[in-house]
Amino acid sequence: MQKFLNWKNAGWFLTACLTIMVGMSALGKITSSAQMVSTFEMLKLIPYMKWIGIGELIGLALLIYPRTSVYGAVLLSSFMSGAVALHMSLMSGANVVVPIMLGVIAWSAHCLRTYTK
């Protein structure tokens, strides 16, 4: 019987968790949910909200497909570092832990799936 508790499966688990978290956020941006609209109004980024959501979905699709997972990790971590910069400069550092955590999870998922047996 094959062992299911290995590092590659842990990477797939992290990918699934990241897909759920970032996917819900991206869909909220695309559908213009009330919370996303209020946050993006405060950041003065309303014209870019749907494009950011589409970019996050593209990053997730790239991360899920094994051959392009490095590009997905780069794209998602780029969006998350932009979120960290905006939270630090315009929101006085509030809620900065979540985008940092999501960027780390994106790279961890890619590395665990790619470089482990």
C-alpha atoms as a PDB file:
ATOM      1  CA  MET A   1       0.000   0.000   0.000  1.00  0.00           C
ATOM      2  CA  GLN A   2       1.321   3.381  -0.977  1.00  0.00           C
ATOM      3  CA  LYS A   3       2.108   5.904   1.707  1.00  0.00           C
ATOM      4  CA  PHE A   4      -0.172   8.942   1.392  1.00  0.00           C
ATOM      5  CA  LEU A   5       1.426  11.161   4.019  1.00  0.00           C
ATOM      6  CA  ASN A   6       4.347  12.493   2.017  1.00  0.00           C
ATOM      7  CA  TRP A   7       5.688  15.921   1.098  1.00  0.00           C
ATOM      8  CA  LYS A   8       4.250  15.955  -2.426  1.00  0.00           C
ATOM      9  CA  ASN A   9       0.737  15.367  -1.082  1.00  0.00           C
ATOM     10  CA  ALA A  10       1.329  18.085   1.503  1.00  0.00           C
ATOM     11  CA  GLY A  11       2.141  20.416  -1.404  1.00  0.00           C
ATOM     12  CA  TRP A  12      -1.110  19.465  -3.115  1.00  0.00           C
ATOM     13  CA  PHE A  13      -2.980  20.072   0.145  1.00  0.00           C
ATOM     14  CA  LEU A  14      -1.434  23.547   0.415  1.00  0.00           C
ATOM     15  CA  THR A  15      -2.360  24.179  -3.218  1.00  0.00           C
ATOM     16  CA  ALA A  16      -5.979  23.240  -2.491  1.00  0.00           C
ATOM     17  CA  CYS A  17      -6.111  25.495   0.587  1.00  0.00           C
ATOM     18  CA  LEU A  18      -4.563  28.378  -1.341  1.00  0.00           C
ATOM     19  CA  THR A  19      -6.979  27.850  -4.225  1.00  0.00           C
ATOM     20  CA  ILE A  20      -9.942  28.100  -1.870  1.00  0.00           C
ATOM     21  CA  MET A  21      -8.671  31.215  -0.066  1.00  0.00           C
ATOM     22  CA  VAL A  22      -7.392  33.194  -3.054  1.00  0.00           C
ATOM     23  CA  GLY A  23     -10.201  31.934  -5.291  1.00  0.00           C
ATOM     24  CA  MET A  24     -12.859  33.281  -2.940  1.00  0.00           C
ATOM     25  CA  SER A  25     -11.021  36.595  -2.753  1.00  0.00           C
ATOM     26  CA  ALA A  26     -10.660  36.795  -6.534  1.00  0.00           C
ATOM     27  CA  LEU A  27     -14.328  35.980  -7.103  1.00  0.00           C
ATOM     28  CA  GLY A  28     -15.265  38.668  -4.570  1.00  0.00           C
ATOM     29  CA  LYS A  29     -13.232  41.181  -6.568  1.00  0.00           C
ATOM     30  CA  ILE A  30     -14.697  40.107  -9.898  1.00  0.00           C
ATOM     31  CA  THR A  31     -18.299  40.147  -8.638  1.00  0.00           C
ATOM     32  CA  SER A  32     -17.721  43.432  -6.748  1.00  0.00           C
ATOM     33  CA  SER A  33     -18.771  42.251  -3.301  1.00  0.00           C
ATOM     34  CA  ALA A  34     -19.560  44.980  -0.769  1.00  0.00           C
ATOM     35  CA  GLN A  35     -16.482  44.324   1.386  1.00  0.00           C
ATOM     36  CA  MET A  36     -14.121  44.359  -1.597  1.00  0.00           C
ATOM     37  CA  VAL A  37     -15.663  47.560  -2.937  1.00  0.00           C
ATOM     38  CA  SER A  38     -15.243  49.319   0.419  1.00  0.00           C
ATOM     39  CA  THR A  39     -11.631  48.152   0.734  1.00  0.00           C
ATOM     40  CA  PHE A  40     -10.738  49.159  -2.807  1.00  0.00           C
ATOM     41  CA  GLU A  41     -12.489  52.534  -2.391  1.00  0.00           C
ATOM     42  CA  MET A  42     -10.304  53.197   0.640  1.00  0.00           C
ATOM     43  CA  LEU A  43      -7.231  52.232  -1.405  1.00  0.00           C
ATOM     44  CA  LYS A  44      -8.506  54.257  -4.394  1.00  0.00           C
ATOM     45  CA  LEU A  45      -8.136  51.240  -6.700  1.00  0.00           C
ATOM     46  CA  ILE A  46     -11.742  50.652  -7.825  1.00  0.00           C
ATOM     47  CA  PRO A  47     -10.899  50.746 -11.587  1.00  0.00           C
ATOM     48  CA  TYR A  48      -8.380  47.922 -11.106  1.00  0.00           C
ATOM     49  CA  MET A  49     -10.398  45.654  -8.800  1.00  0.00           C
ATOM     50  CA  LYS A  50     -11.719  43.278 -11.482  1.00  0.00           C
ATOM     51  CA  TRP A  51      -8.330  43.092 -13.205  1.00  0.00           C
ATOM     52  CA  ILE A  52      -6.649  42.145  -9.945  1.00  0.00           C
ATOM     53  CA  GLY A  53      -9.263  39.415  -9.409  1.00  0.00           C
ATOM     54  CA  ILE A  54      -8.711  38.067 -12.931  1.00  0.00           C
ATOM     55  CA  GLY A  55      -4.942  38.120 -12.386  1.00  0.00           C
ATOM     56  CA  GLU A  56      -5.317  36.166  -9.160  1.00  0.00           C
ATOM     57  CA  LEU A  57      -7.437  33.531 -10.941  1.00  0.00           C
ATOM     58  CA  ILE A  58      -4.825  33.265 -13.706  1.00  0.00           C
ATOM     59  CA  GLY A  59      -2.112  32.842 -11.062  1.00  0.00           C
ATOM     60  CA  LEU A  60      -4.122  30.068  -9.407  1.00  0.00           C
ATOM     61  CA  ALA A  61      -4.622  28.281 -12.725  1.00  0.00           C
ATOM     62  CA  LEU A  62      -0.896  28.489 -13.433  1.00  0.00           C
ATOM     63  CA  LEU A  63      -0.052  27.244  -9.933  1.00  0.00           C
ATOM     64  CA  ILE A  64      -2.352  24.238 -10.188  1.00  0.00           C
ATOM     65  CA  TYR A  65      -0.915  23.008 -13.496  1.00  0.00           C
ATOM     66  CA  PRO A  66       2.445  21.331 -12.649  1.00  0.00           C
ATOM     67  CA  ARG A  67       4.420  22.566 -15.673  1.00  0.00           C
ATOM     68  CA  THR A  68       3.572  26.210 -15.017  1.00  0.00           C
ATOM     69  CA  SER A  69       3.457  26.173 -11.218  1.00  0.00           C
ATOM     70  CA  VAL A  70       6.565  28.347 -10.886  1.00  0.00           C
ATOM     71  CA  TYR A  71       4.885  31.081 -12.965  1.00  0.00           C
ATOM     72  CA  GLY A  72       1.773  30.830 -10.824  1.00  0.00           C
ATOM     73  CA  ALA A  73       3.846  31.131  -7.656  1.00  0.00           C
ATOM     74  CA  VAL A  74       5.638  34.194  -9.066  1.00  0.00           C
ATOM     75  CA  LEU A  75       2.369  35.831 -10.138  1.00  0.00           C
ATOM     76  CA  LEU A  76       0.567  35.147  -6.860  1.00  0.00           C
ATOM     77  CA  SER A  77       3.503  36.261  -4.719  1.00  0.00           C
ATOM     78  CA  SER A  78       3.729  39.438  -6.823  1.00  0.00           C
ATOM     79  CA  PHE A  79       0.073  40.226  -6.166  1.00  0.00           C
ATOM     80  CA  MET A  80       0.540  39.472  -2.468  1.00  0.00           C
ATOM     81  CA  SER A  81       3.638  41.689  -2.184  1.00  0.00           C
ATOM     82  CA  GLY A  82       1.682  44.489  -3.817  1.00  0.00           C
ATOM     83  CA  ALA A  83      -1.036  43.929  -1.229  1.00  0.00           C
ATOM     84  CA  VAL A  84       1.556  44.074   1.561  1.00  0.00           C
ATOM     85  CA  ALA A  85       2.953  47.338   0.186  1.00  0.00           C
ATOM     86  CA  LEU A  86      -0.509  48.898  -0.028  1.00  0.00           C
ATOM     87  CA  HIS A  87      -1.488  47.694   3.445  1.00  0.00           C
ATOM     88  CA  MET A  88       1.735  49.071   4.913  1.00  0.00           C
ATOM     89  CA  SER A  89       1.530  52.451   3.203  1.00  0.00           C
ATOM     90  CA  LEU A  90      -2.193  53.227   3.124  1.00  0.00           C
ATOM     91  CA  MET A  91      -3.637  51.156   5.958  1.00  0.00           C
ATOM     92  CA  SER A  92      -0.875  51.645   8.583  1.00  0.00           C
ATOM     93  CA  GLY A  93       0.146  47.988   8.463  1.00  0.00           C
ATOM     94  CA  ALA A  94      -3.299  46.587   9.202  1.00  0.00           C
ATOM     95  CA  ASN A  95      -4.027  43.042   7.989  1.00  0.00           C
ATOM     96  CA  VAL A  96      -0.561  42.584   6.542  1.00  0.00           C
ATOM     97  CA  VAL A  97      -0.162  39.016   7.843  1.00  0.00           C
ATOM     98  CA  VAL A  98      -2.681  37.434   5.446  1.00  0.00           C
ATOM     99  CA  PRO A  99      -1.012  38.444   2.150  1.00  0.00           C
ATOM    100  CA  ILE A 100       2.398  37.466   3.548  1.00  0.00           C
ATOM    101  CA  MET A 101       1.003  34.080   4.576  1.00  0.00           C
ATOM    102  CA  LEU A 102      -0.617  33.527   1.151  1.00  0.00           C
ATOM    103  CA  GLY A 103       2.624  34.327  -0.677  1.00  0.00           C
ATOM    104  CA  VAL A 104       4.577  31.927   1.518  1.00  0.00           C
ATOM    105  CA  ILE A 105       1.961  29.213   1.002  1.00  0.00           C
ATOM    106  CA  ALA A 106       2.142  29.689  -2.797  1.00  0.00           C
ATOM    107  CA  TRP A 107       5.900  29.147  -2.837  1.00  0.00           C
ATOM    108  CA  SER A 108       5.740  26.320  -0.297  1.00  0.00           C
ATOM    109  CA  ALA A 109       3.112  24.491  -2.348  1.00  0.00           C
ATOM    110  CA  HIS A 110       5.156  24.861  -5.528  1.00  0.00           C
ATOM    111  CA  CYS A 111       8.398  23.711  -3.913  1.00  0.00           C
ATOM    112  CA  LEU A 112       6.843  20.755  -2.109  1.00  0.00           C
ATOM    113  CA  ARG A 113       5.116  19.533  -5.274  1.00  0.00           C
ATOM    114  CA  THR A 114       8.117  20.070  -7.541  1.00  0.00           C
ATOM    115  CA  TYR A 115      11.225  19.208  -5.557  1.00  0.00           C
ATOM    116  CA  THR A 116      10.110  16.300  -3.373  1.00  0.00           C
ATOM    117  CA  LYS A 117       9.441  12.659  -4.173  1.00  0.00           C
END
